[in-house]
C-alpha atoms as a PDB file:
ATOM      1  CA  MET A   1      33.631 139.809 113.417  1.00  0.00           C
ATOM      2  CA  THR A   2      36.575 141.025 112.037  1.00  0.00           C
ATOM      3  CA  ALA A   3      38.189 138.133 114.413  1.00  0.00           C
ATOM      4  CA  GLY A   4      36.347 135.457 112.760  1.00  0.00           C
ATOM      5  CA  THR A   5      37.357 136.763 109.405  1.00  0.00           C
ATOM      6  CA  ARG A   6      40.948 136.855 109.892  1.00  0.00           C
ATOM      7  CA  SER A   7      42.808 134.686 108.043  1.00  0.00           C
ATOM      8  CA  ALA A   8      45.610 131.777 109.137  1.00  0.00           C
ATOM      9  CA  PRO A   9      48.843 133.758 109.172  1.00  0.00           C
ATOM     10  CA  ARG A  10      51.631 132.288 106.850  1.00  0.00           C
ATOM     11  CA  GLU A  11      53.974 130.125 107.470  1.00  0.00           C
ATOM     12  CA  ALA A  12      56.841 131.959 108.341  1.00  0.00           C
ATOM     13  CA  ALA A  13      59.881 131.419 106.015  1.00  0.00           C
ATOM     14  CA  PRO A  14      63.295 129.996 107.046  1.00  0.00           C
ATOM     15  CA  SER A  15      64.838 133.089 109.150  1.00  0.00           C
ATOM     16  CA  ALA A  16      69.032 133.559 109.228  1.00  0.00           C
ATOM     17  CA  GLN A  17      68.625 131.872 112.518  1.00  0.00           C
ATOM     18  CA  THR A  18      67.839 128.754 111.420  1.00  0.00           C
ATOM     19  CA  ARG A  19      70.055 128.513 108.402  1.00  0.00           C
ATOM     20  CA  ARG A  20      72.983 129.800 110.487  1.00  0.00           C
ATOM     21  CA  PRO A  21      73.873 126.129 112.416  1.00  0.00           C
ATOM     22  CA  THR A  22      74.062 124.760 109.052  1.00  0.00           C
ATOM     23  CA  GLY A  23      76.496 126.971 107.461  1.00  0.00           C
ATOM     24  CA  ALA A  24      78.204 126.998 110.525  1.00  0.00           C
ATOM     25  CA  GLY A  25      78.671 123.472 110.384  1.00  0.00           C
ATOM     26  CA  LEU A  26      79.917 123.124 106.967  1.00  0.00           C
ATOM     27  CA  ARG A  27      82.129 125.963 107.576  1.00  0.00           C
ATOM     28  CA  LEU A  28      83.783 124.299 110.349  1.00  0.00           C
ATOM     29  CA  VAL A  29      84.399 121.269 108.444  1.00  0.00           C
ATOM     30  CA  ARG A  30      85.962 123.420 105.684  1.00  0.00           C
ATOM     31  CA  LEU A  31      88.055 124.909 108.326  1.00  0.00           C
ATOM     32  CA  HIS A  32      88.893 121.937 110.007  1.00  0.00           C
ATOM     33  CA  MET A  33      90.257 119.767 106.483  1.00  0.00           C
ATOM     34  CA  VAL A  34      91.952 123.323 105.303  1.00  0.00           C
ATOM     35  CA  SER A  35      93.777 123.060 109.058  1.00  0.00           C
ATOM     36  CA  ARG A  36      94.332 119.892 108.234  1.00  0.00           C
ATOM     37  CA  ARG A  37      96.138 120.522 104.447  1.00  0.00           C
ATOM     38  CA  ALA A  38      93.432 118.215 103.559  1.00  0.00           C
ATOM     39  CA  PRO A  39      93.429 119.853  99.635  1.00  0.00           C
ATOM     40  CA  VAL A  40      97.315 119.528  99.475  1.00  0.00           C
ATOM     41  CA  ALA A  41      96.712 115.656 100.852  1.00  0.00           C
ATOM     42  CA  LEU A  42      94.322 115.140  97.658  1.00  0.00           C
ATOM     43  CA  GLY A  43      96.669 116.369  95.728  1.00  0.00           C
ATOM     44  CA  LEU A  44      99.149 114.050  96.689  1.00  0.00           C
ATOM     45  CA  LEU A  45      96.881 110.885  96.597  1.00  0.00           C
ATOM     46  CA  THR A  46      95.626 111.556  93.304  1.00  0.00           C
ATOM     47  CA  ALA A  47      99.566 111.609  92.071  1.00  0.00           C
ATOM     48  CA  PHE A  48     100.188 108.514  93.900  1.00  0.00           C
ATOM     49  CA  GLY A  49      96.896 107.281  92.445  1.00  0.00           C
ATOM     50  CA  ALA A  50      98.983 107.925  88.803  1.00  0.00           C
ATOM     51  CA  LEU A  51     102.102 106.978  89.868  1.00  0.00           C
ATOM     52  CA  LEU A  52     100.704 102.927  90.705  1.00  0.00           C
ATOM     53  CA  GLY A  53      99.544 103.205  87.193  1.00  0.00           C
ATOM     54  CA  THR A  54     102.150 103.924  85.709  1.00  0.00           C
ATOM     55  CA  ALA A  55     104.067 101.232  87.784  1.00  0.00           C
ATOM     56  CA  LEU A  56     101.690  98.841  86.496  1.00  0.00           C
ATOM     57  CA  HIS A  57     101.223  99.972  82.861  1.00  0.00           C
ATOM     58  CA  TYR A  58     105.253  99.530  82.725  1.00  0.00           C
ATOM     59  CA  HIS A  59     105.435  96.638  84.576  1.00  0.00           C
ATOM     60  CA  TRP A  60     108.197  98.056  86.803  1.00  0.00           C
ATOM     61  CA  SER A  61     109.996  95.782  88.748  1.00  0.00           C
ATOM     62  CA  ILE A  62     108.659  92.665  86.525  1.00  0.00           C
ATOM     63  CA  ALA A  63     111.793  91.292  86.462  1.00  0.00           C
ATOM     64  CA  GLY A  64     111.884  90.443  89.824  1.00  0.00           C
ATOM     65  CA  GLY A  65     108.556  88.301  89.876  1.00  0.00           C
ATOM     66  CA  LEU A  66     105.593  88.758  91.719  1.00  0.00           C
ATOM     67  CA  ALA A  67     107.241  89.928  95.085  1.00  0.00           C
ATOM     68  CA  ALA A  68     109.174  92.737  93.356  1.00  0.00           C
ATOM     69  CA  ARG A  69     106.143  93.963  91.786  1.00  0.00           C
ATOM     70  CA  MET A  70     104.134  93.781  95.608  1.00  0.00           C
ATOM     71  CA  LEU A  71     106.640  95.718  96.768  1.00  0.00           C
ATOM     72  CA  VAL A  72     106.385  98.631  94.549  1.00  0.00           C
ATOM     73  CA  THR A  73     102.432  98.133  94.930  1.00  0.00           C
ATOM     74  CA  LEU A  74     103.025  98.503  98.857  1.00  0.00           C
ATOM     75  CA  THR A  75     105.519 101.068  98.640  1.00  0.00           C
ATOM     76  CA  ILE A  76     103.246 103.598  97.041  1.00  0.00           C
ATOM     77  CA  GLU A  77     100.242 102.558  99.471  1.00  0.00           C
ATOM     78  CA  THR A  78     102.063 103.270 102.109  1.00  0.00           C
ATOM     79  CA  GLY A  79     102.996 106.768 100.937  1.00  0.00           C
ATOM     80  CA  ALA A  80      99.419 107.262 100.266  1.00  0.00           C
ATOM     81  CA  ALA A  81      99.039 105.762 104.035  1.00  0.00           C
ATOM     82  CA  ALA A  82     101.730 107.990 105.550  1.00  0.00           C
ATOM     83  CA  VAL A  83      99.902 111.453 103.730  1.00  0.00           C
ATOM     84  CA  ILE A  84      96.974 110.782 105.743  1.00  0.00           C
ATOM     85  CA  ALA A  85      98.503 110.167 108.693  1.00  0.00           C
ATOM     86  CA  VAL A  86     100.203 113.382 108.802  1.00  0.00           C
ATOM     87  CA  THR A  87      97.253 115.381 108.052  1.00  0.00           C
ATOM     88  CA  THR A  88      96.120 114.315 112.075  1.00  0.00           C
ATOM     89  CA  HIS A  89      98.671 117.464 112.352  1.00  0.00           C
ATOM     90  CA  GLY A  90      96.806 120.594 114.017  1.00  0.00           C
ATOM     91  CA  PRO A  91      99.000 123.722 114.099  1.00  0.00           C
ATOM     92  CA  PHE A  92      96.716 125.139 116.278  1.00  0.00           C
ATOM     93  CA  GLY A  93      96.634 123.190 119.360  1.00  0.00           C
ATOM     94  CA  GLU A  94      94.597 124.842 122.695  1.00  0.00           C
ATOM     95  CA  PRO A  95      92.733 127.010 120.345  1.00  0.00           C
ATOM     96  CA  GLU A  96      90.881 124.214 118.189  1.00  0.00           C
ATOM     97  CA  ARG A  97      89.332 123.273 121.230  1.00  0.00           C
ATOM     98  CA  ALA A  98      86.799 125.792 120.881  1.00  0.00           C
ATOM     99  CA  THR A  99      85.044 123.494 118.328  1.00  0.00           C
ATOM    100  CA  GLY A 100      84.207 121.868 121.911  1.00  0.00           C
ATOM    101  CA  ARG A 101      82.464 118.059 120.982  1.00  0.00           C
ATOM    102  CA  TRP A 102      82.565 118.621 117.312  1.00  0.00           C
ATOM    103  CA  LEU A 103      86.399 118.492 117.256  1.00  0.00           C
ATOM    104  CA  PRO A 104      86.603 114.598 117.460  1.00  0.00           C
ATOM    105  CA  TRP A 105      83.590 113.916 115.029  1.00  0.00           C
ATOM    106  CA  LEU A 106      85.693 116.220 112.860  1.00  0.00           C
ATOM    107  CA  ARG A 107      88.949 114.268 113.148  1.00  0.00           C
ATOM    108  CA  LEU A 108      87.110 111.110 112.018  1.00  0.00           C
ATOM    109  CA  GLY A 109      85.633 112.329 109.275  1.00  0.00           C
ATOM    110  CA  ASN A 110      88.951 113.623 108.046  1.00  0.00           C
ATOM    111  CA  ALA A 111      90.104 110.595 108.168  1.00  0.00           C
ATOM    112  CA  LEU A 112      87.552 108.414 106.836  1.00  0.00           C
ATOM    113  CA  ALA A 113      87.346 110.802 103.951  1.00  0.00           C
ATOM    114  CA  LEU A 114      91.032 110.816 103.067  1.00  0.00           C
ATOM    115  CA  THR A 115      91.216 107.204 103.547  1.00  0.00           C
ATOM    116  CA  ALA A 116      88.231 106.719 100.854  1.00  0.00           C
ATOM    117  CA  ALA A 117      89.737 109.471  98.599  1.00  0.00           C
ATOM    118  CA  ALA A 118      93.049 107.116  98.496  1.00  0.00           C
ATOM    119  CA  PHE A 119      91.208 103.772  97.872  1.00  0.00           C
ATOM    120  CA  GLY A 120      89.831 105.708  95.253  1.00  0.00           C
ATOM    121  CA  ALA A 121      93.061 106.990  93.893  1.00  0.00           C
ATOM    122  CA  LEU A 122      94.661 103.810  93.673  1.00  0.00           C
ATOM    123  CA  ALA A 123      92.294 101.701  92.589  1.00  0.00           C
ATOM    124  CA  ALA A 124      91.782 104.066  89.432  1.00  0.00           C
ATOM    125  CA  GLY A 125      95.028 104.163  88.788  1.00  0.00           C
ATOM    126  CA  ALA A 126      95.378 100.285  89.549  1.00  0.00           C
ATOM    127  CA  ALA A 127      92.873  99.920  86.186  1.00  0.00           C
ATOM    128  CA  ALA A 128      95.971 100.683  83.870  1.00  0.00           C
ATOM    129  CA  GLY A 129      97.546  97.282  84.927  1.00  0.00           C
ATOM    130  CA  VAL A 130      97.056  94.022  86.485  1.00  0.00           C
ATOM    131  CA  LEU A 131      96.975  95.057  90.228  1.00  0.00           C
ATOM    132  CA  PRO A 132      99.029  92.264  92.169  1.00  0.00           C
ATOM    133  CA  TYR A 133      96.588  90.159  94.309  1.00  0.00           C
ATOM    134  CA  GLY A 134      93.462  92.434  93.096  1.00  0.00           C
ATOM    135  CA  THR A 135      91.171  95.066  94.741  1.00  0.00           C
ATOM    136  CA  TRP A 136      90.261  93.507  97.969  1.00  0.00           C
ATOM    137  CA  ALA A 137      93.857  93.098  98.789  1.00  0.00           C
ATOM    138  CA  LEU A 138      94.699  97.250  98.351  1.00  0.00           C
ATOM    139  CA  LEU A 139      91.769  97.916 100.288  1.00  0.00           C
ATOM    140  CA  ARG A 140      93.311  95.567 103.167  1.00  0.00           C
ATOM    141  CA  ASN A 141      96.421  97.062 102.752  1.00  0.00           C
ATOM    142  CA  LEU A 142      95.886 100.873 102.780  1.00  0.00           C
ATOM    143  CA  ALA A 143      93.094 100.117 105.464  1.00  0.00           C
ATOM    144  CA  GLY A 144      95.876  98.256 107.956  1.00  0.00           C
ATOM    145  CA  THR A 145      98.719 100.099 107.169  1.00  0.00           C
ATOM    146  CA  THR A 146      96.452 103.713 107.081  1.00  0.00           C
ATOM    147  CA  GLY A 147      95.434 101.801 110.992  1.00  0.00           C
ATOM    148  CA  ILE A 148      99.610 102.020 111.844  1.00  0.00           C
ATOM    149  CA  GLY A 149      99.793 105.699 110.502  1.00  0.00           C
ATOM    150  CA  LEU A 150      96.862 107.108 112.703  1.00  0.00           C
ATOM    151  CA  LEU A 151      98.244 104.758 115.856  1.00  0.00           C
ATOM    152  CA  SER A 152     101.609 106.320 115.566  1.00  0.00           C
ATOM    153  CA  ALA A 153     100.715 110.286 115.095  1.00  0.00           C
ATOM    154  CA  VAL A 154      98.405 109.559 118.315  1.00  0.00           C
ATOM    155  CA  VAL A 155     101.400 108.305 120.259  1.00  0.00           C
ATOM    156  CA  LEU A 156     104.667 110.148 118.120  1.00  0.00           C
ATOM    157  CA  GLY A 157     102.605 113.293 116.906  1.00  0.00           C
ATOM    158  CA  GLY A 158     100.770 113.764 113.720  1.00  0.00           C
ATOM    159  CA  ALA A 159     104.389 115.557 111.850  1.00  0.00           C
ATOM    160  CA  PHE A 160     105.651 111.918 112.496  1.00  0.00           C
ATOM    161  CA  GLY A 161     102.644 109.724 111.536  1.00  0.00           C
ATOM    162  CA  TRP A 162     104.603 108.337 108.519  1.00  0.00           C
ATOM    163  CA  VAL A 163     107.431 106.607 110.807  1.00  0.00           C
ATOM    164  CA  ALA A 164     105.264 103.398 111.774  1.00  0.00           C
ATOM    165  CA  PRO A 165     104.031 102.453 108.149  1.00  0.00           C
ATOM    166  CA  MET A 166     107.448 102.867 106.812  1.00  0.00           C
ATOM    167  CA  ALA A 167     108.872 100.988 109.592  1.00  0.00           C
ATOM    168  CA  TYR A 168     105.889  98.378 108.014  1.00  0.00           C
ATOM    169  CA  LEU A 169     106.710  98.602 105.220  1.00  0.00           C
ATOM    170  CA  LEU A 170     110.416  97.592 105.708  1.00  0.00           C
ATOM    171  CA  VAL A 171     108.919  94.390 107.834  1.00  0.00           C
ATOM    172  CA  THR A 172     106.727  93.381 105.153  1.00  0.00           C
ATOM    173  CA  GLU A 173     109.933  93.648 103.069  1.00  0.00           C
ATOM    174  CA  VAL A 174     111.413  91.069 104.651  1.00  0.00           C
ATOM    175  CA  ALA A 175     108.397  89.216 104.760  1.00  0.00           C
ATOM    176  CA  LEU A 176     108.006  88.810 100.885  1.00  0.00           C
ATOM    177  CA  GLY A 177     111.197  86.825 100.699  1.00  0.00           C
ATOM    178  CA  GLY A 178     109.897  84.051 102.940  1.00  0.00           C
ATOM    179  CA  HIS A 179     107.021  82.207 104.147  1.00  0.00           C
ATOM    180  CA  PRO A 180     105.424  84.546 106.749  1.00  0.00           C
ATOM    181  CA  THR A 181     102.783  82.595 109.249  1.00  0.00           C
ATOM    182  CA  THR A 182     101.598  85.408 111.521  1.00  0.00           C
ATOM    183  CA  PRO A 183      98.478  87.197 109.821  1.00  0.00           C
ATOM    184  CA  TRP A 184      99.712  90.508 111.633  1.00  0.00           C
ATOM    185  CA  VAL A 185     102.065  91.136 107.973  1.00  0.00           C
ATOM    186  CA  TRP A 186      98.960  90.921 106.397  1.00  0.00           C
ATOM    187  CA  ALA A 187     100.102  92.389 103.073  1.00  0.00           C
ATOM    188  CA  ALA A 188     102.789  89.153 102.428  1.00  0.00           C
ATOM    189  CA  HIS A 189      99.113  87.137 102.734  1.00  0.00           C
ATOM    190  CA  PRO A 190      96.985  86.912  99.592  1.00  0.00           C
ATOM    191  CA  PRO A 191      93.439  88.512  99.388  1.00  0.00           C
ATOM    192  CA  HIS A 192      91.409  85.552 100.344  1.00  0.00           C
ATOM    193  CA  ASP A 193      93.397  85.182 103.919  1.00  0.00           C
ATOM    194  CA  ARG A 194      90.668  85.875 106.573  1.00  0.00           C
ATOM    195  CA  GLY A 195      93.188  86.122 109.587  1.00  0.00           C
ATOM    196  CA  ALA A 196      95.031  89.055 107.938  1.00  0.00           C
ATOM    197  CA  ALA A 197      92.168  90.782 106.869  1.00  0.00           C
ATOM    198  CA  LEU A 198      91.131  90.655 110.268  1.00  0.00           C
ATOM    199  CA  CYS A 199      93.994  91.683 111.426  1.00  0.00           C
ATOM    200  CA  ALA A 200      94.168  94.848 109.226  1.00  0.00           C
ATOM    201  CA  SER A 201      90.652  95.430 110.129  1.00  0.00           C
ATOM    202  CA  VAL A 202      91.601  95.344 114.092  1.00  0.00           C
ATOM    203  CA  VAL A 203      94.540  98.027 113.363  1.00  0.00           C
ATOM    204  CA  PHE A 204      92.757 100.120 111.556  1.00  0.00           C
ATOM    205  CA  VAL A 205      89.822 100.380 113.638  1.00  0.00           C
ATOM    206  CA  ALA A 206      91.955 101.026 116.673  1.00  0.00           C
ATOM    207  CA  GLY A 207      93.598 103.796 115.275  1.00  0.00           C
ATOM    208  CA  ALA A 208      90.376 105.621 113.789  1.00  0.00           C
ATOM    209  CA  VAL A 209      89.335 105.200 117.507  1.00  0.00           C
ATOM    210  CA  ALA A 210      92.611 106.657 118.933  1.00  0.00           C
ATOM    211  CA  ILE A 211      92.355 109.476 116.622  1.00  0.00           C
ATOM    212  CA  THR A 212      89.172 110.174 117.623  1.00  0.00           C
ATOM    213  CA  VAL A 213      88.898 110.372 120.945  1.00  0.00           C
ATOM    214  CA  LEU A 214      92.500 111.441 121.752  1.00  0.00           C
ATOM    215  CA  GLY A 215      93.659 113.049 118.287  1.00  0.00           C
ATOM    216  CA  ALA A 216      97.094 113.503 117.210  1.00  0.00           C
ATOM    217  CA  ARG A 217     100.343 113.844 120.171  1.00  0.00           C
ATOM    218  CA  GLY A 218     100.225 118.057 120.314  1.00  0.00           C
ATOM    219  CA  GLY A 219      98.728 120.356 118.060  1.00  0.00           C
ATOM    220  CA  GLY A 220      95.059 120.506 119.565  1.00  0.00           C
ATOM    221  CA  GLY A 221      95.760 116.519 121.092  1.00  0.00           C
ATOM    222  CA  ARG A 222      95.834 114.387 123.783  1.00  0.00           C
ATOM    223  CA  THR A 223      98.778 116.978 125.461  1.00  0.00           C
ATOM    224  CA  ASP A 224      96.500 119.548 125.696  1.00  0.00           C
ATOM    225  CA  PRO A 225      95.718 120.486 129.345  1.00  0.00           C
ATOM    226  CA  ARG A 226      91.468 119.521 130.151  1.00  0.00           C
END
């Protein structure tokens, strides 16, 4: 009789063990981004956005024409890409492998989040003036240069991820003074150039895949023993 009148058991409240994976995951993401100095990078990217806005508002290098204004803009975009590349450096090396299978996704998430933040900061700054070639060119140039930086971090190390973007800026500076034919110098092409956009996209995807799978050279990257 008592068995028939027994009420159904209450639905168990989520236990601490059930909630723990979500909390641990968020903590892992936070620790990874802090180890990559993401908060400092966000501050620098915001400063680059303000610098771009100032340059456009006060017409820096206006006497030099479109090419000179583009060079100022590209220099700021390259600085932002260099910041993203340098954040791929991890200081912990071998112990970082304790994150196991999540480490590649943390690398990718960090790179994509900072790239999106850089574009947002630069686009917001560009609202203060007339951006040469517009927002689409900004996105193309930032993505392509960031891809170069990520590839540089894989080959040279995260601390030297800025080297290749700066070298590419010099190549672009020379191309701006002439008539570039190769789409691989995408920053010197107008925004509607599909070949330039495709090349920049390929480089960004290659850099994102490389940093995800291999990591930056040293500091938890592919030089660690497996």
